[in-house]
Amino acid sequence: MSLLTASPLYAQNKIVWQYSLSDIVPNTVYMVYSEEIIPARVKEATKGRLELVPLRGVVKSADVLDAVRDRRVDMGVQGAPHRADTALYDFAAVPGLAQYEILKAAHPDLEKIFEADMRSRFGLEMLGYGYWPRQMVLSKKPIATFEDLKGMKLRAHSVALQLVLRSAGAKPVAMPFGDVYVGLQRNTIEGAVSGMIAFSAVKWYENAKFTSSWPLGSANYVFIVNGDAWAELPDDLKPIVRKTVYDAGLETWQGALDEEQRTITVLKEAGVTHTVPSESDRAKLSAGAKPLLAAWKERAGAQSKAVLDVLNKHKIK
């Protein structure tokens, strides 16, 4: 049977789900949880009755949801930023919208909203969602104040980030991930925005020795299962599988923070200086993101209000 043929496969009362995930930076919280921890925990929790077979990079990042819906795979991890129709789950990517510190407390309420939306719009079961680390800035010279951003040529990987940086007077540059190292080396760019782990894993820090924490958002990914595959799963296993995946997804919130702090320490040992700008300077940058909130609400649809209500409920005053 082809890896992308309808399943599940059954062998001696064991159900095998083909499970698609994106091939991103290795040894990150995303990869370790998605590829190793969740399959291992599901197998243990179900006493071997359900096995997830990870298929890394077989389906393109933007197409995981479609592959699950068409049952080319049974389960998958869909990155919320990778599709226009998953904007609702990509709320954290709007710079300044969600305080990362409150997301753990808001998680159960948001999960209910996302589960219902995924079921009604796509006919899929959402078992949980996870967290990528916050976006940071790597630069060739310190960016400690709002004024320091002006004129800086910074690689920004999304239209949203480009808009925010431009509003601050920076000069955002669209550049493929794989070209950033050379771009920094040749001074085509003076810095880049990404998760802290990327600065270390692909050695961008060799050509830029300063990092800074700005409210540039983060991102989420959702664990989804084909509706028929879920219906066929024995009823006694459904709550076990749901809780196992949900708990693991929630753990990635702290995992992403820990990964961030570990990387700051590693980079410091490599001669990189990290700066946390003042709250007033960070607020100035957030002000430039206000147009993005209206755009996100339009793309996310009616349920965007429910998400905003949850975030406001947990907001740190």
Protein backbone atom coordinates (compact mmCIF):
# COMPACT_ATOMS: atom_id res chain seq x y z
CA MET A 1 0.00 0.00 0.00
CA SER A 2 1.30 3.48 -0.88
CA LEU A 3 2.25 5.77 1.98
CA LEU A 4 -0.40 8.21 0.79
CA THR A 5 -3.20 5.73 0.11
CA ALA A 6 -6.36 5.66 2.20
CA SER A 7 -5.89 3.98 5.56
CA PRO A 8 -5.78 3.09 8.50
CA LEU A 9 -3.90 -0.15 8.26
CA TYR A 10 -4.92 -2.89 10.65
CA ALA A 11 -2.64 -5.60 11.97
CA GLN A 12 -3.51 -7.85 14.88
CA ASN A 13 -6.03 -5.34 16.26
CA LYS A 14 -3.51 -2.51 15.94
CA ILE A 15 -4.51 0.64 14.05
CA VAL A 16 -1.77 2.46 12.15
CA TRP A 17 -2.26 6.09 11.19
CA GLN A 18 -0.09 7.77 8.59
CA TYR A 19 0.89 11.06 10.18
CA SER A 20 2.24 14.00 8.17
CA LEU A 21 4.44 16.78 9.52
CA SER A 22 6.56 19.49 7.96
CA ASP A 23 10.31 19.07 7.75
CA ILE A 24 11.46 22.18 9.63
CA VAL A 25 14.60 23.00 11.67
CA PRO A 26 15.67 19.74 13.39
CA ASN A 27 15.90 19.26 17.17
CA THR A 28 13.39 22.01 17.87
CA VAL A 29 10.46 21.68 20.27
CA TYR A 30 8.16 21.44 17.24
CA MET A 31 10.08 18.56 15.67
CA VAL A 32 10.79 16.65 18.89
CA TYR A 33 7.17 16.77 20.05
CA SER A 34 5.58 16.21 16.65
CA GLU A 35 7.87 13.47 15.41
CA GLU A 36 8.95 11.69 18.60
CA ILE A 37 7.06 12.51 21.78
CA ILE A 38 3.47 12.43 20.52
CA PRO A 39 3.78 9.13 18.59
CA ALA A 40 5.53 7.51 21.57
CA ARG A 41 2.95 8.73 24.07
CA VAL A 42 -0.01 7.71 21.90
CA LYS A 43 1.42 4.22 21.51
CA GLU A 44 1.99 3.93 25.26
CA ALA A 45 -1.36 5.44 26.29
CA THR A 46 -3.30 3.14 23.95
CA LYS A 47 -1.17 0.11 24.94
CA GLY A 48 -0.04 -0.27 21.35
CA ARG A 49 -3.52 -0.29 19.83
CA LEU A 50 -2.84 2.92 17.87
CA GLU A 51 0.46 3.71 16.19
CA LEU A 52 1.33 6.97 14.46
CA VAL A 53 3.81 6.66 11.60
CA PRO A 54 5.45 10.08 11.03
CA LEU A 55 5.94 11.12 7.41
CA ARG A 56 8.30 14.06 7.47
CA GLY A 57 8.18 16.37 4.45
CA VAL A 58 6.08 14.02 2.28
CA VAL A 59 3.29 16.60 2.06
CA LYS A 60 4.06 20.29 1.50
CA SER A 61 3.60 22.54 4.54
CA ALA A 62 0.57 24.32 3.07
CA ASP A 63 -1.11 21.09 1.96
CA VAL A 64 -1.23 19.06 5.18
CA LEU A 65 -4.83 20.00 5.93
CA ASP A 66 -5.91 18.98 2.42
CA ALA A 67 -4.04 15.69 2.68
CA VAL A 68 -5.80 14.91 5.97
CA ARG A 69 -9.19 15.95 4.63
CA ASP A 70 -8.74 13.78 1.51
CA ARG A 71 -7.36 10.98 3.67
CA ARG A 72 -4.10 10.72 1.83
CA VAL A 73 -2.88 10.66 5.43
CA ASP A 74 -4.89 10.01 8.59
CA MET A 75 -3.41 12.70 10.80
CA GLY A 76 -1.20 15.72 10.33
CA VAL A 77 0.33 18.84 11.82
CA GLN A 78 -0.77 21.95 9.95
CA GLY A 79 1.16 25.15 10.53
CA ALA A 80 -1.39 27.95 10.95
CA PRO A 81 0.74 30.56 9.10
CA HIS A 82 1.00 28.38 6.02
CA ARG A 83 -2.59 28.76 4.77
CA ALA A 84 -5.01 31.66 4.35
CA ASP A 85 -7.98 29.60 5.59
CA THR A 86 -6.31 28.81 8.93
CA ALA A 87 -5.98 32.47 9.90
CA LEU A 88 -8.20 31.99 12.95
CA TYR A 89 -5.59 29.69 14.54
CA ASP A 90 -2.80 32.10 13.55
CA PHE A 91 -3.87 34.85 15.97
CA ALA A 92 -0.50 34.82 17.76
CA ALA A 93 1.28 35.86 14.57
CA VAL A 94 -0.35 39.31 14.68
CA PRO A 95 2.41 41.41 16.30
CA GLY A 96 1.35 42.84 19.64
CA LEU A 97 -2.06 41.11 19.68
CA ALA A 98 -1.44 38.29 22.17
CA GLN A 99 0.87 38.40 25.15
CA TYR A 100 2.80 35.15 25.01
CA GLU A 101 2.71 34.94 28.81
CA ILE A 102 -1.10 34.50 28.86
CA LEU A 103 -1.39 31.88 26.15
CA LYS A 104 -1.08 28.91 28.51
CA ALA A 105 -3.99 30.16 30.64
CA ALA A 106 -6.03 30.97 27.52
CA HIS A 107 -5.27 27.60 25.91
CA PRO A 108 -8.35 25.59 27.08
CA ASP A 109 -10.81 28.28 25.98
CA LEU A 110 -9.11 28.78 22.64
CA GLU A 111 -8.94 25.03 22.06
CA LYS A 112 -12.74 24.77 22.29
CA ILE A 113 -13.19 27.55 19.73
CA PHE A 114 -10.67 26.02 17.33
CA GLU A 115 -12.05 22.47 17.68
CA ALA A 116 -15.58 23.60 16.80
CA ASP A 117 -14.35 25.70 13.89
CA MET A 118 -12.17 22.90 12.48
CA ARG A 119 -15.08 20.47 12.67
CA SER A 120 -17.64 22.80 11.10
CA ARG A 121 -15.50 24.22 8.28
CA PHE A 122 -13.26 21.29 7.38
CA GLY A 123 -14.94 18.20 8.82
CA LEU A 124 -11.77 17.35 10.74
CA GLU A 125 -11.08 16.57 14.37
CA MET A 126 -8.57 18.87 16.04
CA LEU A 127 -6.86 17.15 18.94
CA GLY A 128 -4.72 20.04 20.12
CA TYR A 129 -2.37 22.77 19.06
CA GLY A 130 1.22 23.71 19.78
CA TYR A 131 3.49 26.74 19.95
CA TRP A 132 6.45 27.96 17.97
CA PRO A 133 8.81 30.33 19.82
CA ARG A 134 8.39 34.08 19.66
CA GLN A 135 9.86 36.01 16.75
CA MET A 136 13.10 37.83 17.57
CA VAL A 137 15.50 40.12 15.71
CA LEU A 138 19.10 39.20 14.88
CA SER A 139 21.21 42.15 13.74
CA LYS A 140 24.70 43.31 12.93
CA LYS A 141 24.43 46.25 15.32
CA PRO A 142 22.37 46.67 18.52
CA ILE A 143 18.65 47.41 18.21
CA ALA A 144 17.94 48.46 21.78
CA THR A 145 15.47 51.28 21.10
CA PHE A 146 12.67 52.03 18.67
CA GLU A 147 14.90 54.62 17.00
CA ASP A 148 17.54 51.94 16.33
CA LEU A 149 15.13 50.18 13.95
CA LYS A 150 15.11 53.09 11.52
CA GLY A 151 16.89 52.39 8.26
CA MET A 152 17.81 48.81 9.20
CA LYS A 153 17.63 46.34 6.33
CA LEU A 154 15.96 43.35 8.01
CA ARG A 155 14.86 40.13 6.38
CA ALA A 156 11.15 39.60 7.17
CA HIS A 157 9.44 36.38 6.09
CA SER A 158 5.83 37.57 6.00
CA VAL A 159 3.82 40.50 4.72
CA ALA A 160 2.67 41.21 8.29
CA LEU A 161 6.21 41.51 9.61
CA GLN A 162 7.21 43.67 6.66
CA LEU A 163 4.34 46.07 7.36
CA VAL A 164 5.21 46.40 11.06
CA LEU A 165 8.92 46.90 10.43
CA ARG A 166 8.23 49.44 7.69
CA SER A 167 5.95 51.38 10.04
CA ALA A 168 8.91 51.62 12.44
CA GLY A 169 11.15 53.05 9.74
CA ALA A 170 13.08 49.85 9.03
CA LYS A 171 13.66 48.54 5.51
CA PRO A 172 12.18 45.03 5.40
CA VAL A 173 13.63 42.67 2.80
CA ALA A 174 11.92 39.58 1.41
CA MET A 175 14.52 36.82 1.23
CA PRO A 176 14.30 32.99 1.23
CA PHE A 177 15.33 31.30 4.49
CA GLY A 178 18.22 29.55 2.77
CA ASP A 179 19.71 32.83 1.49
CA VAL A 180 19.88 34.62 4.85
CA TYR A 181 23.33 33.37 5.91
CA VAL A 182 24.96 34.66 2.74
CA GLY A 183 22.83 37.81 2.84
CA LEU A 184 24.23 38.64 6.27
CA GLN A 185 27.72 37.65 5.22
CA ARG A 186 27.63 39.96 2.18
CA ASN A 187 25.80 42.79 3.99
CA THR A 188 22.85 42.54 1.62
CA ILE A 189 20.82 42.64 4.83
CA GLU A 190 21.71 43.91 8.29
CA GLY A 191 19.58 41.47 10.21
CA ALA A 192 16.68 39.02 10.16
CA VAL A 193 13.49 38.14 12.01
CA SER A 194 12.87 34.54 13.08
CA GLY A 195 12.65 32.31 16.11
CA MET A 196 15.75 32.39 18.31
CA ILE A 197 16.54 28.74 17.55
CA ALA A 198 16.99 29.52 13.84
CA PHE A 199 19.75 32.03 14.61
CA SER A 200 21.71 29.23 16.25
CA ALA A 201 20.71 26.14 14.25
CA VAL A 202 21.63 27.57 10.85
CA LYS A 203 24.48 29.68 12.25
CA TRP A 204 23.21 33.10 11.22
CA TYR A 205 24.86 34.39 14.40
CA GLU A 206 28.28 33.92 12.76
CA ASN A 207 27.55 37.05 10.72
CA ALA A 208 25.52 39.09 13.23
CA LYS A 209 26.21 39.42 16.95
CA PHE A 210 23.11 41.08 18.42
CA THR A 211 19.62 39.82 19.21
CA SER A 212 16.61 41.69 20.62
CA SER A 213 13.12 40.87 21.85
CA TRP A 214 10.39 42.84 20.08
CA PRO A 215 6.62 42.14 20.03
CA LEU A 216 6.66 40.52 16.60
CA GLY A 217 4.31 37.66 17.39
CA SER A 218 4.74 33.92 17.37
CA ALA A 219 2.84 31.14 15.63
CA ASN A 220 0.84 27.98 16.22
CA TYR A 221 0.35 24.60 14.60
CA VAL A 222 -2.66 22.32 14.90
CA PHE A 223 -2.91 18.53 15.25
CA ILE A 224 -5.73 17.32 13.01
CA VAL A 225 -7.30 13.95 12.16
CA ASN A 226 -9.44 12.86 9.22
CA GLY A 227 -13.12 12.68 10.19
CA ASP A 228 -13.61 9.10 8.98
CA ALA A 229 -10.40 7.92 10.64
CA TRP A 230 -11.60 9.45 13.90
CA ALA A 231 -15.05 7.87 13.56
CA GLU A 232 -13.46 4.45 13.00
CA LEU A 233 -11.28 4.74 16.10
CA PRO A 234 -12.78 2.66 18.95
CA ASP A 235 -14.75 4.85 21.33
CA ASP A 236 -12.67 3.87 24.34
CA LEU A 237 -9.51 5.18 22.62
CA LYS A 238 -10.88 8.56 21.56
CA PRO A 239 -10.62 10.36 24.93
CA ILE A 240 -7.22 8.79 25.54
CA VAL A 241 -5.81 9.95 22.20
CA ARG A 242 -7.38 13.40 22.49
CA LYS A 243 -5.98 14.00 25.99
CA THR A 244 -2.55 12.68 25.03
CA VAL A 245 -2.19 15.00 22.05
CA TYR A 246 -3.82 17.95 23.83
CA ASP A 247 -1.46 17.68 26.82
CA ALA A 248 1.60 17.43 24.58
CA GLY A 249 0.51 20.44 22.55
CA LEU A 250 0.08 22.52 25.69
CA GLU A 251 3.53 21.47 26.92
CA THR A 252 5.09 23.10 23.86
CA TRP A 253 4.19 26.53 25.30
CA GLN A 254 6.75 26.09 28.06
CA GLY A 255 8.97 24.10 25.74
CA ALA A 256 9.18 27.02 23.31
CA LEU A 257 10.09 29.41 26.15
CA ASP A 258 12.74 27.01 27.44
CA GLU A 259 14.13 26.57 23.93
CA GLU A 260 14.32 30.34 23.57
CA GLN A 261 16.20 30.79 26.86
CA ARG A 262 18.60 27.92 26.11
CA THR A 263 19.39 29.45 22.75
CA ILE A 264 20.00 32.90 24.27
CA THR A 265 22.54 31.25 26.60
CA VAL A 266 24.20 29.31 23.77
CA LEU A 267 24.46 32.43 21.64
CA LYS A 268 25.84 34.46 24.55
CA GLU A 269 28.64 31.93 24.86
CA ALA A 270 29.27 32.47 21.13
CA GLY A 271 29.64 36.21 21.66
CA VAL A 272 26.09 37.33 20.88
CA THR A 273 24.52 40.10 23.01
CA HIS A 274 20.79 39.92 23.76
CA THR A 275 18.71 43.01 24.54
CA VAL A 276 15.17 43.43 25.85
CA PRO A 277 13.95 46.90 24.82
CA SER A 278 11.90 49.05 27.20
CA GLU A 279 8.14 48.61 27.38
CA SER A 280 7.63 52.08 25.92
CA ASP A 281 9.76 51.25 22.88
CA ARG A 282 8.02 47.92 22.44
CA ALA A 283 4.65 49.68 22.61
CA LYS A 284 5.70 52.01 19.80
CA LEU A 285 6.36 49.02 17.57
CA SER A 286 3.05 47.39 18.53
CA ALA A 287 1.22 50.58 17.52
CA GLY A 288 2.35 50.00 13.95
CA ALA A 289 0.60 46.62 13.95
CA LYS A 290 -2.90 48.00 14.45
CA PRO A 291 -3.85 47.75 10.74
CA LEU A 292 -2.96 44.05 10.90
CA LEU A 293 -5.59 43.39 13.55
CA ALA A 294 -8.39 44.52 11.24
CA ALA A 295 -6.94 42.42 8.41
CA TRP A 296 -6.69 39.35 10.66
CA LYS A 297 -10.29 39.75 11.87
CA GLU A 298 -11.49 39.84 8.28
CA ARG A 299 -9.50 36.75 7.30
CA ALA A 300 -10.35 34.83 10.50
CA GLY A 301 -14.09 35.44 10.20
CA ALA A 302 -16.84 35.61 12.80
CA GLN A 303 -15.00 33.49 15.37
CA SER A 304 -12.26 36.11 15.62
CA LYS A 305 -14.43 37.94 18.18
CA ALA A 306 -14.52 34.85 20.40
CA VAL A 307 -10.72 34.60 20.23
CA LEU A 308 -10.31 38.28 21.11
CA ASP A 309 -12.73 37.89 24.03
CA VAL A 310 -10.60 35.05 25.43
CA LEU A 311 -7.37 37.03 25.02
CA ASN A 312 -8.90 40.08 26.70
CA LYS A 313 -10.18 37.90 29.54
CA HIS A 314 -6.65 36.72 30.31
CA LYS A 315 -4.79 39.92 29.40
CA ILE A 316 -2.19 41.10 31.89
CA LYS A 317 -3.20 44.62 32.87
